[in-house]
Protein backbone atom coordinates (compact mmCIF):
# COMPACT_ATOMS: atom_id res chain seq x y z
CA MET A 1 0.00 0.00 0.00
CA HIS A 2 2.68 2.51 0.99
CA ASN A 3 4.75 1.87 -2.15
CA PHE A 4 1.65 2.16 -4.31
CA LEU A 5 0.89 5.54 -2.70
CA LYS A 6 4.50 6.68 -3.12
CA ASN A 7 4.29 5.88 -6.83
CA LYS A 8 1.04 7.83 -7.15
CA LEU A 9 2.60 10.83 -5.40
CA SER A 10 5.74 10.62 -7.54
CA GLU A 11 3.58 10.67 -10.70
CA ALA A 12 1.72 13.70 -9.36
CA LEU A 13 4.97 15.59 -8.74
CA LYS A 14 6.10 14.92 -12.31
CA LYS A 15 2.81 16.16 -13.77
CA LEU A 16 3.07 19.36 -11.71
CA ASN A 17 6.80 19.85 -12.46
CA TYR A 18 7.40 19.90 -8.72
CA PRO A 19 10.81 18.91 -7.24
CA GLN A 20 11.34 15.14 -7.06
CA ILE A 21 12.01 14.79 -3.34
CA GLU A 22 12.19 11.76 -1.06
CA ILE A 23 8.53 10.90 -0.42
CA GLU A 24 7.66 10.16 3.18
CA VAL A 25 4.53 8.16 3.98
CA GLU A 26 3.35 7.40 7.51
CA ILE A 27 0.52 5.74 9.39
CA PRO A 28 -1.65 8.36 11.16
CA LYS A 29 -1.84 7.89 14.94
CA ASN A 30 -5.56 8.66 14.80
CA GLU A 31 -7.59 6.29 12.56
CA ALA A 32 -9.98 9.16 11.80
CA PHE A 33 -7.20 10.71 9.67
CA GLY A 34 -7.27 7.83 7.20
CA ASP A 35 -5.06 4.86 6.36
CA LEU A 36 -1.89 6.65 5.24
CA SER A 37 -0.63 10.21 5.42
CA THR A 38 2.16 12.25 3.84
CA PRO A 39 3.81 15.58 4.76
CA ILE A 40 5.03 15.97 1.17
CA ALA A 41 3.29 19.35 0.65
CA MET A 42 5.18 20.87 3.57
CA GLU A 43 8.49 19.54 2.25
CA ILE A 44 7.91 20.98 -1.22
CA SER A 45 6.76 24.27 0.32
CA ARG A 46 10.33 24.79 1.54
CA HIS A 47 11.59 24.56 -2.04
CA LEU A 48 8.88 26.62 -3.76
CA LYS A 49 8.06 29.18 -1.02
CA LYS A 50 4.42 28.39 -1.65
CA PRO A 51 1.71 27.66 1.01
CA PRO A 52 1.65 23.90 1.84
CA ARG A 53 -2.14 23.67 1.61
CA THR A 54 -2.06 25.12 -1.91
CA ILE A 55 0.57 22.54 -2.90
CA ALA A 56 -1.53 19.80 -1.27
CA GLU A 57 -4.57 20.89 -3.31
CA ASP A 58 -2.47 20.78 -6.50
CA ILE A 59 -1.27 17.26 -5.72
CA ILE A 60 -4.76 15.98 -4.89
CA SER A 61 -6.13 17.39 -8.13
CA THR A 62 -3.74 15.22 -10.19
CA ILE A 63 -4.34 11.91 -8.37
CA ASP A 64 -6.93 9.42 -9.67
CA ARG A 65 -9.44 8.61 -6.96
CA ASP A 66 -10.32 5.20 -8.36
CA ILE A 67 -8.91 3.32 -5.34
CA PHE A 68 -9.31 6.05 -2.71
CA GLU A 69 -12.45 6.40 -0.65
CA ASP A 70 -11.32 9.79 0.58
CA ILE A 71 -8.38 12.23 0.31
CA GLN A 72 -8.25 15.07 2.82
CA ILE A 73 -5.90 17.93 3.70
CA ALA A 74 -5.30 18.28 7.44
CA GLY A 75 -3.47 20.71 9.69
CA PRO A 76 -0.66 22.70 8.09
CA GLY A 77 -0.68 20.57 4.93
CA PHE A 78 -0.75 16.83 5.64
CA ILE A 79 -2.54 14.83 2.95
CA ASN A 80 -4.53 11.91 4.39
CA PHE A 81 -5.61 8.96 2.24
CA THR A 82 -8.34 6.38 2.90
CA PHE A 83 -8.39 3.36 0.57
CA LYS A 84 -11.54 1.82 -0.85
CA ASN A 85 -12.49 -1.59 0.52
CA ASN A 86 -12.25 -3.21 -2.91
CA TYR A 87 -8.57 -2.26 -3.07
CA ILE A 88 -8.04 -3.56 0.47
CA PHE A 89 -9.62 -6.91 -0.49
CA SER A 90 -7.50 -7.20 -3.65
CA GLU A 91 -4.35 -6.60 -1.58
CA LEU A 92 -5.46 -9.25 0.90
CA SER A 93 -5.90 -11.67 -2.00
CA GLU A 94 -2.33 -10.90 -3.18
CA CYS A 95 -1.04 -11.46 0.37
CA LEU A 96 -2.70 -14.88 0.54
CA LYS A 97 -1.25 -15.87 -2.85
CA GLU A 98 2.29 -14.56 -2.32
CA GLU A 99 2.42 -15.38 1.41
CA GLU A 100 5.59 -14.05 3.10
CA ALA A 101 7.00 -12.73 -0.18
CA PHE A 102 4.20 -10.14 -0.08
CA PHE A 103 5.81 -8.43 2.91
CA VAL A 104 9.29 -7.66 1.54
CA GLN A 105 11.02 -5.98 -1.38
CA ASN A 106 14.59 -6.29 -2.58
CA THR A 107 15.70 -2.84 -1.47
CA GLY A 108 19.24 -3.99 -0.62
CA LYS A 109 20.05 -5.25 -4.13
CA GLY A 110 23.09 -7.14 -2.86
CA ARG A 111 24.83 -4.22 -1.13
CA LYS A 112 27.39 -5.51 1.36
CA ILE A 113 26.85 -4.69 5.03
CA GLN A 114 28.96 -5.81 7.97
CA ILE A 115 27.43 -5.82 11.45
CA GLU A 116 29.80 -6.10 14.39
CA PHE A 117 28.05 -6.70 17.69
CA VAL A 118 28.46 -8.05 21.23
CA SER A 119 32.31 -8.09 21.00
CA ALA A 120 32.48 -8.39 24.80
CA ASN A 121 35.94 -8.73 26.34
CA PRO A 122 36.55 -12.45 27.06
CA THR A 123 37.16 -11.59 30.71
CA GLY A 124 33.82 -12.65 32.20
CA PRO A 125 30.31 -13.89 31.42
CA LEU A 126 27.98 -11.94 29.13
CA HIS A 127 25.76 -9.49 31.00
CA LEU A 128 22.28 -8.30 30.01
CA GLY A 129 23.62 -5.33 28.04
CA HIS A 130 25.58 -7.77 25.88
CA GLY A 131 22.42 -9.85 25.49
CA ARG A 132 20.40 -6.85 24.38
CA GLY A 133 23.09 -6.00 21.82
CA ALA A 134 23.08 -9.63 20.64
CA ALA A 135 19.30 -9.60 20.13
CA LEU A 136 19.53 -6.31 18.23
CA GLY A 137 22.42 -7.38 16.00
CA ALA A 138 20.91 -10.75 15.11
CA ALA A 139 17.47 -9.26 14.32
CA LEU A 140 19.04 -6.48 12.27
CA ALA A 141 21.01 -9.05 10.27
CA ASN A 142 17.78 -10.99 9.65
CA ILE A 143 15.77 -8.04 8.35
CA LEU A 144 18.60 -6.70 6.18
CA ARG A 145 19.18 -10.12 4.61
CA GLU A 146 15.45 -10.44 4.01
CA ALA A 147 15.51 -7.06 2.27
CA GLY A 148 18.18 -8.22 -0.18
CA TYR A 149 21.40 -7.04 1.50
CA ASN A 150 24.53 -9.20 1.60
CA VAL A 151 25.13 -9.24 5.36
CA SER A 152 28.16 -10.46 7.30
CA THR A 153 28.00 -10.68 11.10
CA GLU A 154 31.14 -10.42 13.19
CA TYR A 155 32.39 -10.65 16.78
CA TYR A 156 35.63 -8.77 17.51
CA ILE A 157 37.56 -10.55 20.26
CA ASN A 158 39.55 -8.20 22.53
CA ASP A 159 42.07 -10.88 23.48
CA ALA A 160 45.09 -8.58 23.83
CA GLY A 161 46.07 -5.84 26.23
CA LYS A 162 45.50 -4.92 29.85
CA GLN A 163 42.06 -6.47 30.43
CA VAL A 164 43.09 -10.05 29.62
CA GLU A 165 46.24 -9.52 31.70
CA LEU A 166 44.04 -8.50 34.64
CA LEU A 167 41.97 -11.63 34.06
CA GLY A 168 45.11 -13.76 34.28
CA LEU A 169 46.19 -11.94 37.45
CA SER A 170 42.73 -12.42 39.01
CA VAL A 171 42.94 -16.17 38.36
CA TYR A 172 46.53 -16.24 39.68
CA VAL A 173 45.43 -14.75 43.01
CA ALA A 174 42.56 -17.28 43.27
CA LEU A 175 44.99 -20.09 42.42
CA GLN A 176 47.34 -19.06 45.24
CA LYS A 177 44.50 -19.54 47.72
CA LEU A 178 44.15 -23.14 46.52
CA PHE A 179 47.86 -23.54 47.24
CA GLY A 180 47.25 -22.20 50.75
CA LYS A 181 48.76 -18.76 50.08
CA GLU A 182 46.84 -15.58 50.80
CA MET A 183 47.28 -12.76 48.32
CA GLU A 184 45.42 -9.47 48.19
CA LEU A 185 43.39 -9.05 45.02
CA PRO A 186 44.18 -5.71 43.33
CA GLU A 187 41.13 -3.41 43.16
CA GLU A 188 41.02 -3.38 39.36
CA CYS A 189 40.98 -7.18 39.07
CA TYR A 190 37.94 -9.33 38.30
CA LYS A 191 35.79 -10.85 41.00
CA GLY A 192 33.07 -13.46 41.09
CA GLU A 193 32.68 -17.20 41.40
CA TYR A 194 33.71 -17.75 37.76
CA ILE A 195 37.27 -16.65 38.67
CA ASN A 196 37.41 -19.33 41.39
CA GLU A 197 36.03 -21.88 38.91
CA LEU A 198 38.81 -21.06 36.44
CA ALA A 199 41.44 -21.34 39.17
CA LYS A 200 40.04 -24.74 40.24
CA GLU A 201 40.15 -26.04 36.66
CA ILE A 202 43.77 -24.94 36.29
CA TYR A 203 44.64 -26.41 39.71
CA ASP A 204 43.12 -29.78 38.77
CA LEU A 205 44.90 -29.75 35.41
CA TYR A 206 48.39 -28.69 36.51
CA LYS A 207 48.38 -29.70 40.20
CA ASN A 208 51.57 -28.42 41.84
CA ASP A 209 53.38 -27.47 38.61
CA LEU A 210 52.39 -23.83 39.13
CA LYS A 211 52.69 -23.78 42.93
CA ASP A 212 55.91 -21.81 43.27
CA LYS A 213 55.74 -19.85 40.04
CA SER A 214 55.41 -16.05 39.98
CA PHE A 215 52.81 -14.34 37.84
CA ASP A 216 55.58 -13.35 35.41
CA GLU A 217 56.37 -17.03 34.98
CA ALA A 218 52.79 -18.41 34.90
CA GLY A 219 50.92 -15.40 33.52
CA ASP A 220 50.90 -16.32 29.82
CA LEU A 221 49.52 -19.78 30.55
CA LEU A 222 46.83 -18.43 32.91
CA ILE A 223 45.78 -15.70 30.48
CA GLU A 224 45.60 -18.10 27.52
CA PHE A 225 43.65 -20.76 29.42
CA SER A 226 41.25 -18.33 31.10
CA TYR A 227 40.25 -16.13 28.20
CA LYS A 228 39.81 -19.12 25.86
CA LYS A 229 37.60 -20.88 28.42
CA ILE A 230 35.50 -17.74 28.87
CA LEU A 231 35.32 -17.25 25.10
CA ASN A 232 34.04 -20.82 24.69
CA ASP A 233 31.38 -20.10 27.32
CA ILE A 234 30.42 -16.89 25.49
CA MET A 235 30.10 -18.81 22.21
CA LYS A 236 27.89 -21.43 23.89
CA ASP A 237 25.68 -18.79 25.55
CA LEU A 238 25.21 -16.97 22.25
CA GLU A 239 24.50 -20.21 20.39
CA ASP A 240 21.83 -21.11 22.99
CA PHE A 241 20.48 -17.58 22.56
CA GLY A 242 20.08 -18.26 18.84
CA VAL A 243 22.88 -15.89 17.80
CA VAL A 244 25.52 -17.22 15.39
CA PHE A 245 28.33 -15.15 13.84
CA ASP A 246 29.81 -15.49 10.39
CA LYS A 247 33.26 -14.45 11.64
CA TRP A 248 35.17 -14.17 14.90
CA ILE A 249 38.11 -11.75 14.54
CA SER A 250 40.97 -11.82 17.05
CA GLU A 251 42.72 -8.63 18.18
CA ARG A 252 45.82 -10.70 18.92
CA LYS A 253 45.89 -11.89 15.33
CA LEU A 254 45.88 -8.27 14.09
CA TYR A 255 49.15 -7.78 15.98
CA HIS A 256 50.68 -11.13 15.04
CA THR A 257 50.04 -10.59 11.32
CA GLY A 258 51.45 -7.05 11.43
CA GLU A 259 48.06 -5.51 10.57
CA VAL A 260 48.30 -2.93 13.37
CA GLN A 261 51.80 -1.86 12.42
CA ARG A 262 50.88 -1.60 8.72
CA THR A 263 47.85 0.53 9.56
CA ILE A 264 49.96 3.00 11.55
CA LEU A 265 52.46 3.15 8.70
CA LYS A 266 49.68 3.91 6.21
CA LEU A 267 48.28 6.70 8.39
CA LYS A 268 51.80 8.09 8.75
CA GLU A 269 52.18 8.12 4.96
CA LEU A 270 48.87 9.97 4.71
CA GLY A 271 50.13 12.60 7.17
CA TYR A 272 47.81 11.73 10.04
CA ILE A 273 50.40 10.47 12.54
CA TYR A 274 52.81 12.64 14.52
CA GLU A 275 55.09 12.27 17.55
CA LYS A 276 54.71 14.30 20.75
CA ASP A 277 56.01 13.74 24.31
CA GLY A 278 57.53 10.43 23.25
CA ALA A 279 54.17 9.05 22.07
CA LEU A 280 52.59 8.57 18.63
CA TRP A 281 49.33 10.45 17.99
CA PHE A 282 46.56 10.12 15.42
CA LYS A 283 45.41 13.51 14.09
CA SER A 284 41.68 12.83 14.65
CA THR A 285 40.89 16.55 15.02
CA ALA A 286 41.34 16.77 11.24
CA PHE A 287 38.05 14.87 11.00
CA GLY A 288 35.97 16.59 13.67
CA ASP A 289 37.17 14.90 16.88
CA ASP A 290 37.59 17.19 19.89
CA LYS A 291 41.23 16.14 20.41
CA ASP A 292 43.96 14.01 18.85
CA ARG A 293 44.35 10.46 20.15
CA VAL A 294 47.37 8.46 21.34
CA ILE A 295 47.95 5.20 19.49
CA ILE A 296 51.38 4.27 20.92
CA LYS A 297 52.17 5.43 24.47
CA ASN A 298 55.55 6.84 25.49
CA ASP A 299 56.40 3.46 27.06
CA GLY A 300 56.02 1.78 23.64
CA THR A 301 52.75 -0.02 24.38
CA TYR A 302 49.81 0.23 21.99
CA THR A 303 46.46 1.69 22.99
CA TYR A 304 43.20 -0.15 22.25
CA PHE A 305 42.48 2.51 19.66
CA ALA A 306 45.50 1.38 17.60
CA SER A 307 44.11 -2.11 17.07
CA ASP A 308 40.58 -0.74 16.61
CA ILE A 309 41.82 1.39 13.70
CA ALA A 310 43.54 -1.67 12.21
CA TYR A 311 40.33 -3.68 12.58
CA HIS A 312 38.31 -1.02 10.76
CA LYS A 313 40.96 -0.87 8.02
CA ASN A 314 40.53 -4.63 7.69
CA LYS A 315 36.76 -4.17 7.33
CA ILE A 316 37.12 -1.44 4.71
CA GLU A 317 39.52 -3.56 2.66
CA ARG A 318 36.94 -6.35 2.55
CA GLY A 319 34.75 -4.07 0.43
CA PHE A 320 31.70 -3.45 2.60
CA ASP A 321 29.34 -0.68 1.50
CA GLU A 322 28.27 -0.04 5.07
CA LEU A 323 29.63 -0.84 8.52
CA ILE A 324 27.30 -1.12 11.51
CA ASN A 325 28.85 -1.24 14.98
CA ILE A 326 26.62 -2.07 17.95
CA TRP A 327 28.21 -0.87 21.19
CA GLY A 328 27.26 -0.35 24.81
CA ALA A 329 26.11 3.15 25.76
CA ASP A 330 29.34 3.68 27.74
CA HIS A 331 31.21 3.85 24.40
CA HIS A 332 29.56 7.12 23.42
CA GLY A 333 32.84 9.06 23.66
CA TYR A 334 34.52 6.58 21.31
CA ILE A 335 32.26 7.26 18.31
CA GLN A 336 33.93 10.34 16.85
CA ARG A 337 37.48 8.99 16.98
CA VAL A 338 36.48 5.78 15.18
CA LYS A 339 34.59 7.76 12.54
CA ALA A 340 37.68 9.94 12.17
CA ALA A 341 39.86 6.85 11.64
CA VAL A 342 37.46 5.42 9.07
CA GLN A 343 37.42 8.73 7.21
CA ALA A 344 41.22 8.97 7.28
CA LEU A 345 41.38 5.50 5.71
CA GLY A 346 39.22 6.61 2.80
CA MET A 347 35.67 5.64 3.76
CA SER A 348 32.87 8.20 4.00
CA PRO A 349 31.65 8.72 7.59
CA SER A 350 28.11 8.17 6.28
CA GLN A 351 29.09 4.57 5.53
CA ILE A 352 29.57 3.74 9.21
CA LYS A 353 26.62 3.63 11.59
CA ILE A 354 27.13 3.17 15.32
CA LEU A 355 24.17 2.02 17.42
CA LEU A 356 24.48 2.48 21.18
CA VAL A 357 22.62 0.01 23.39
CA GLN A 358 21.43 1.10 26.81
CA MET A 359 21.78 -1.24 29.77
CA VAL A 360 18.89 -3.32 31.09
CA ASN A 361 17.34 -2.72 34.51
CA LEU A 362 16.36 -6.18 35.73
CA LEU A 363 13.40 -6.42 38.09
CA ARG A 364 11.67 -9.19 39.99
CA GLU A 365 8.09 -8.24 40.88
CA GLY A 366 9.00 -4.60 40.41
CA LYS A 367 12.13 -4.68 42.61
CA PRO A 368 15.68 -4.34 41.23
CA VAL A 369 17.79 -7.48 40.83
CA GLN A 370 21.48 -6.65 41.02
CA MET A 371 23.49 -9.62 42.17
CA SER A 372 24.53 -12.77 40.36
CA LYS A 373 25.62 -15.96 42.06
CA ARG A 374 28.29 -16.55 39.44
CA ALA A 375 29.47 -13.13 38.24
CA GLY A 376 29.26 -11.54 41.65
CA THR A 377 28.26 -8.08 40.45
CA PHE A 378 25.72 -8.49 37.63
CA VAL A 379 23.11 -10.98 36.44
CA THR A 380 24.43 -12.90 33.46
CA LEU A 381 22.69 -13.54 30.16
CA ARG A 382 23.02 -17.28 30.82
CA GLU A 383 21.14 -16.99 34.12
CA LEU A 384 18.29 -15.14 32.41
CA ILE A 385 18.10 -17.62 29.51
CA ASP A 386 18.02 -20.54 31.97
CA GLU A 387 15.18 -18.95 33.96
CA ILE A 388 12.84 -17.67 31.24
CA GLY A 389 14.14 -18.98 27.90
CA ALA A 390 15.89 -17.47 24.88
CA ASP A 391 12.75 -16.47 22.96
CA THR A 392 11.21 -14.50 25.81
CA THR A 393 14.52 -12.83 26.64
CA LYS A 394 15.17 -11.87 23.02
CA PHE A 395 11.68 -10.51 22.37
CA ILE A 396 11.64 -8.35 25.51
CA PHE A 397 15.11 -6.98 24.69
CA LEU A 398 13.59 -5.82 21.39
CA THR A 399 10.46 -4.18 22.82
CA ARG A 400 12.11 -0.78 23.00
CA ARG A 401 14.41 1.27 20.80
CA HIS A 402 18.04 0.27 21.41
CA ASP A 403 19.09 3.63 22.89
CA SER A 404 16.18 3.74 25.37
CA GLN A 405 16.35 2.43 28.92
CA LEU A 406 14.72 -0.99 29.29
CA GLU A 407 13.10 -2.39 32.43
CA PHE A 408 12.82 -6.17 32.34
CA ASP A 409 10.64 -7.82 35.00
CA ILE A 410 11.45 -11.54 35.25
CA GLU A 411 8.15 -12.47 36.89
CA ILE A 412 6.07 -10.74 34.19
CA ALA A 413 8.15 -12.54 31.56
CA LYS A 414 7.11 -15.87 33.10
CA ARG A 415 3.38 -15.17 33.05
CA GLN A 416 1.15 -16.73 30.44
CA SER A 417 -0.99 -13.64 29.97
CA GLN A 418 -1.18 -10.48 27.91
CA GLU A 419 1.20 -8.85 30.42
CA ASN A 420 3.93 -10.96 28.86
CA PRO A 421 4.40 -9.47 25.35
CA VAL A 422 6.08 -12.46 23.72
CA TYR A 423 3.55 -14.93 25.10
CA TYR A 424 0.69 -12.80 23.80
CA VAL A 425 2.17 -12.68 20.28
CA GLN A 426 3.19 -16.34 20.14
CA TYR A 427 -0.20 -17.38 21.50
CA ALA A 428 -1.95 -15.49 18.70
CA HIS A 429 0.02 -17.55 16.18
CA ALA A 430 -0.67 -20.83 18.02
CA ARG A 431 -4.36 -19.95 18.37
CA ILE A 432 -4.71 -19.44 14.61
CA ASN A 433 -2.78 -22.64 13.92
CA SER A 434 -5.24 -24.56 16.11
CA ILE A 435 -8.10 -23.22 13.94
CA PHE A 436 -6.44 -24.59 10.82
CA GLU A 437 -6.07 -27.99 12.43
CA LYS A 438 -9.86 -28.20 12.25
CA ALA A 439 -10.55 -26.38 8.98
CA ASP A 440 -9.02 -26.08 5.52
CA ILE A 441 -8.68 -22.77 3.65
CA ASN A 442 -9.35 -21.85 0.06
CA PRO A 443 -7.93 -18.34 -0.55
CA GLU A 444 -9.86 -18.08 -3.83
CA LYS A 445 -13.27 -18.37 -2.20
CA PHE A 446 -13.41 -15.54 0.35
CA SER A 447 -16.06 -12.87 -0.11
CA GLY A 448 -14.93 -9.36 0.79
CA GLU A 449 -18.56 -8.25 1.21
CA LEU A 450 -18.83 -10.49 4.28
CA PHE A 451 -16.07 -8.67 6.19
CA ASN A 452 -17.31 -6.44 9.00
CA GLU A 453 -15.66 -3.21 10.21
CA ASN A 454 -13.52 -5.00 12.82
CA GLU A 455 -12.25 -7.44 10.20
CA ILE A 456 -11.41 -4.68 7.73
CA LYS A 457 -9.44 -2.99 10.51
CA ILE A 458 -7.42 -6.20 11.00
CA ILE A 459 -6.85 -6.59 7.25
CA LYS A 460 -5.54 -3.03 7.04
CA LYS A 461 -3.22 -3.79 9.97
CA VAL A 462 -1.81 -6.81 8.13
CA LEU A 463 -1.37 -4.76 4.95
CA MET A 464 0.62 -2.16 6.90
CA TYR A 465 3.26 -4.75 7.80
CA PRO A 466 5.33 -4.27 4.59
CA MET A 467 5.62 -0.58 5.48
CA ILE A 468 6.68 -1.40 9.06
CA PHE A 469 9.22 -3.88 7.74
CA ASP A 470 10.54 -1.35 5.21
CA LEU A 471 10.91 1.31 7.94
CA SER A 472 12.76 -1.21 10.14
CA VAL A 473 15.20 -1.78 7.29
CA GLN A 474 15.64 1.92 6.45
CA MET A 475 16.05 3.06 10.06
CA ARG A 476 17.98 -0.06 11.18
CA GLU A 477 15.40 -0.50 13.98
CA PRO A 478 14.03 -4.04 14.55
CA HIS A 479 11.93 -2.87 17.54
CA ARG A 480 9.38 -1.43 15.08
CA ILE A 481 8.46 -5.01 14.17
CA THR A 482 8.11 -5.93 17.86
CA PHE A 483 5.70 -3.02 18.42
CA TYR A 484 3.71 -4.02 15.36
CA LEU A 485 3.42 -7.67 16.39
CA GLN A 486 2.09 -6.71 19.81
CA GLU A 487 -0.54 -4.44 18.23
CA LEU A 488 -1.58 -7.06 15.67
CA ALA A 489 -1.81 -9.78 18.33
CA ALA A 490 -3.92 -7.53 20.56
CA ILE A 491 -6.52 -6.74 17.90
CA PHE A 492 -6.64 -10.38 16.79
CA HIS A 493 -7.19 -11.73 20.33
CA SER A 494 -9.97 -9.17 20.81
CA TYR A 495 -11.56 -10.27 17.53
CA TYR A 496 -11.24 -13.98 18.39
CA HIS A 497 -13.13 -13.50 21.65
CA LYS A 498 -15.94 -11.65 19.85
CA TYR A 499 -16.50 -13.74 16.71
CA ARG A 500 -16.65 -17.41 15.73
CA VAL A 501 -14.29 -18.18 12.88
CA VAL A 502 -15.65 -21.62 11.97
CA SER A 503 -19.43 -21.80 11.76
CA GLU A 504 -22.26 -23.46 9.81
CA ASP A 505 -22.08 -20.63 7.27
CA SER A 506 -19.44 -21.96 4.83
CA ASN A 507 -18.95 -18.64 2.97
CA LEU A 508 -18.46 -16.69 6.19
CA THR A 509 -16.15 -19.41 7.52
CA GLU A 510 -14.01 -19.28 4.37
CA THR A 511 -13.83 -15.50 4.55
CA ARG A 512 -12.77 -15.49 8.20
CA LEU A 513 -10.24 -18.26 7.62
CA CYS A 514 -8.61 -16.07 4.97
CA LEU A 515 -8.42 -13.24 7.48
CA CYS A 516 -6.81 -15.55 10.05
CA ARG A 517 -4.36 -16.86 7.47
CA ALA A 518 -3.16 -13.32 6.64
CA VAL A 519 -2.70 -12.50 10.33
CA MET A 520 -0.79 -15.74 10.81
CA LEU A 521 1.54 -14.95 7.90
CA ALA A 522 2.40 -11.52 9.32
CA LEU A 523 2.96 -12.89 12.85
CA ARG A 524 5.15 -15.72 11.58
CA HIS A 525 7.29 -13.47 9.39
CA GLY A 526 7.73 -10.83 12.10
CA LEU A 527 8.73 -13.39 14.73
CA LYS A 528 11.18 -14.98 12.28
CA MET A 529 12.82 -11.57 11.72
CA LEU A 530 13.27 -11.17 15.48
CA GLY A 531 14.75 -14.66 15.75
CA VAL A 532 11.81 -15.85 17.87
CA LYS A 533 9.88 -19.09 17.29
CA ALA A 534 6.28 -19.05 16.03
CA PRO A 535 4.90 -22.06 17.95
CA GLU A 536 2.10 -24.21 16.53
CA LYS A 537 0.82 -25.13 19.99
CA MET A 538 1.01 -23.52 23.43
């Protein structure tokens, strides 16, 4: 529907010799304003210095009304469109014939996109913020692939530098306790039961071989063993969460292959590296950053930024048209320097999009949950998956825009009621499936004249799904699909309680089965995009 309207508006602009601008179409918040609306007259007004309502009248005068029940101008110049029922019924018929293909268009046309997400340091279990980023990244990959993009997903492993050294030191201190030696744990080290578990595994494996060794002597072994064990746990947690990556890229490997050093040399050749106070600096202010950034300290050690630049150079050289990085909200200050590095290496800053994910406030019956038995300081993703399941966790993570705070109540997530958003949506799908276990459908036989006002409202909601999907793709926002599914499920459940689908009236039954089938198709496709199952029974 929305693409049809866009085409009609584009034709009108050509006839009027008006500027060919990007046409925006939206769903009015108030149903009284029609099915679809556009602010196009106000946009063109800026170009022509002409009153928006006059432009709106010109546009309306050139549009055939054969499929429109009504076209109205509202407010400062919005044009509101209401479609005729016959057009609505013909679109429903197309939906039933094409099934899920009806909902998507090949807007990507094979463009290459890389999405890097989670990328948590392998120094401890995944927390809920990582889980929310994982749900976002996986859903985004699904919708972009569905829209015809060539998508590669990637996890960047920070397995070099100070944080993994602190992990090794934390395990070393825990190991000394098993040898009967008391050592004070430095404040910046990692805490939690998982550190003791790692120490116990190493103790059982090596017995007394490490008993009298200093950290300088045993450190490399402890670091290697610990981060790899944690990384394996992270991989397993993500796999159980339904998140699989195409590539896992190691920071260590970037150093071992000379990628970091070659990147610095290239930036130096381009004139973006200089020396000051014994350190090497990247001239990021040349690209809008508030200050230049150190890449090699005066003691000769590399900063994390050095390997991050090398990693982005590696991405660029693989020929992606767009890079999407999904980071925690605490990385806000890192955005401009990375964009500066990407620009210095020859990629347009518009080709990199950075999505910041806010943390999750976990509640139990409305009260904050803060402590984890295993991590010591935060509830892990694994603990949440084990308690309420991957589907429920994933869906709730996607109920709000990624940069908005999210409150997640565990007890509500367990309820089999409309309070639990994922249950309510999945149950709508299972409910329709149970109808089809008792009745067959013939999409050719439905009679549009038998649809009542409530049913037409549901049909229009189904027909809006391609627009919601398209907006999710354009804006890189999977939560729009989650919102839509909740709304569709709500109006279907309300309808189901009010009307009998299968009755003695065969024509009415066939008509209502077609309605149910269309709802089912939209629910199934939306859930698939979110990486959530569409159960047949519940």
